[in-house]
Amino acid sequence: MAATQRKASRTRVQPVVQRRVEYIAAVRYLDGSRELFYVRNADNLADARELVMLEVDDVSSLMIAERH
């Protein structure tokens, strides 16, 4: 009886897809006006905050959250 040989199957490796996180920033200015910013090119929350603060002046408050 002849022994059959099986070719070892290779497991397929799925490529890791890095999901880019987006942030939304709500800014209230000293004069009472407000504005929303959508931050797409930030590495983390602190980076998103820094990007917004570079764009605006006279900020009374700033709130940033991960956008879902």
Protein backbone atom coordinates (compact mmCIF):
# COMPACT_ATOMS: atom_id res chain seq x y z
CA MET A 1 0.00 0.00 0.00
CA ALA A 2 1.41 3.37 -1.02
CA ALA A 3 1.61 6.11 1.55
CA THR A 4 0.00 9.34 0.47
CA GLN A 5 1.72 12.62 1.07
CA ARG A 6 -0.09 15.75 1.93
CA LYS A 7 1.21 19.16 1.15
CA ALA A 8 1.40 21.21 4.31
CA SER A 9 -1.15 23.95 4.10
CA ARG A 10 0.01 27.44 4.91
CA THR A 11 -2.10 29.62 7.09
CA ARG A 12 -3.07 32.84 5.44
CA VAL A 13 -2.04 35.97 7.23
CA GLN A 14 -4.61 38.72 7.03
CA PRO A 15 -3.10 42.17 6.55
CA VAL A 16 -3.56 44.41 9.54
CA VAL A 17 -5.69 47.38 8.62
CA GLN A 18 -4.87 50.38 10.74
CA ARG A 19 -8.03 52.34 11.33
CA ARG A 20 -7.35 56.04 11.44
CA VAL A 21 -9.07 57.63 14.42
CA GLU A 22 -10.87 60.92 13.86
CA TYR A 23 -11.57 63.47 16.56
CA ILE A 24 -14.18 66.17 16.94
CA ALA A 25 -13.39 69.35 18.83
CA ALA A 26 -15.92 71.83 20.19
CA VAL A 27 -14.45 75.28 20.75
CA ARG A 28 -16.06 78.14 22.67
CA TYR A 29 -14.42 81.52 22.22
CA LEU A 30 -14.15 84.35 24.74
CA ASP A 31 -16.82 86.32 22.85
CA GLY A 32 -19.32 83.46 23.32
CA SER A 33 -19.25 82.16 19.75
CA ARG A 34 -18.58 78.48 19.13
CA GLU A 35 -17.24 76.26 16.38
CA LEU A 36 -16.73 72.56 15.61
CA PHE A 37 -13.54 71.13 14.17
CA TYR A 38 -13.04 67.67 12.69
CA VAL A 39 -9.46 66.51 13.23
CA ARG A 40 -8.32 63.69 10.95
CA ASN A 41 -4.54 63.78 11.07
CA ALA A 42 -3.89 63.43 14.78
CA ASP A 43 -1.97 60.55 16.35
CA ASN A 44 -3.75 60.80 19.71
CA LEU A 45 -5.97 63.05 21.80
CA ALA A 46 -3.13 65.34 22.88
CA ASP A 47 -2.04 65.76 19.28
CA ALA A 48 -5.61 66.64 18.24
CA ARG A 49 -5.76 69.27 20.99
CA GLU A 50 -2.49 70.79 19.85
CA LEU A 51 -3.65 70.92 16.21
CA VAL A 52 -6.84 72.77 17.19
CA MET A 53 -5.03 75.20 19.48
CA LEU A 54 -2.64 76.09 16.64
CA GLU A 55 -5.64 77.12 14.52
CA VAL A 56 -7.63 79.22 17.00
CA ASP A 57 -7.11 82.17 19.35
CA ASP A 58 -9.01 83.52 22.36
CA VAL A 59 -10.38 80.14 23.46
CA SER A 60 -12.58 80.03 26.52
CA SER A 61 -13.04 76.24 26.50
CA LEU A 62 -12.16 73.29 24.32
CA MET A 63 -13.62 69.80 24.38
CA ILE A 64 -12.25 66.97 22.21
CA ALA A 65 -13.63 63.46 21.76
CA GLU A 66 -13.05 60.49 19.50
CA ARG A 67 -15.49 60.58 16.62
CA HIS A 68 -17.48 57.38 15.99
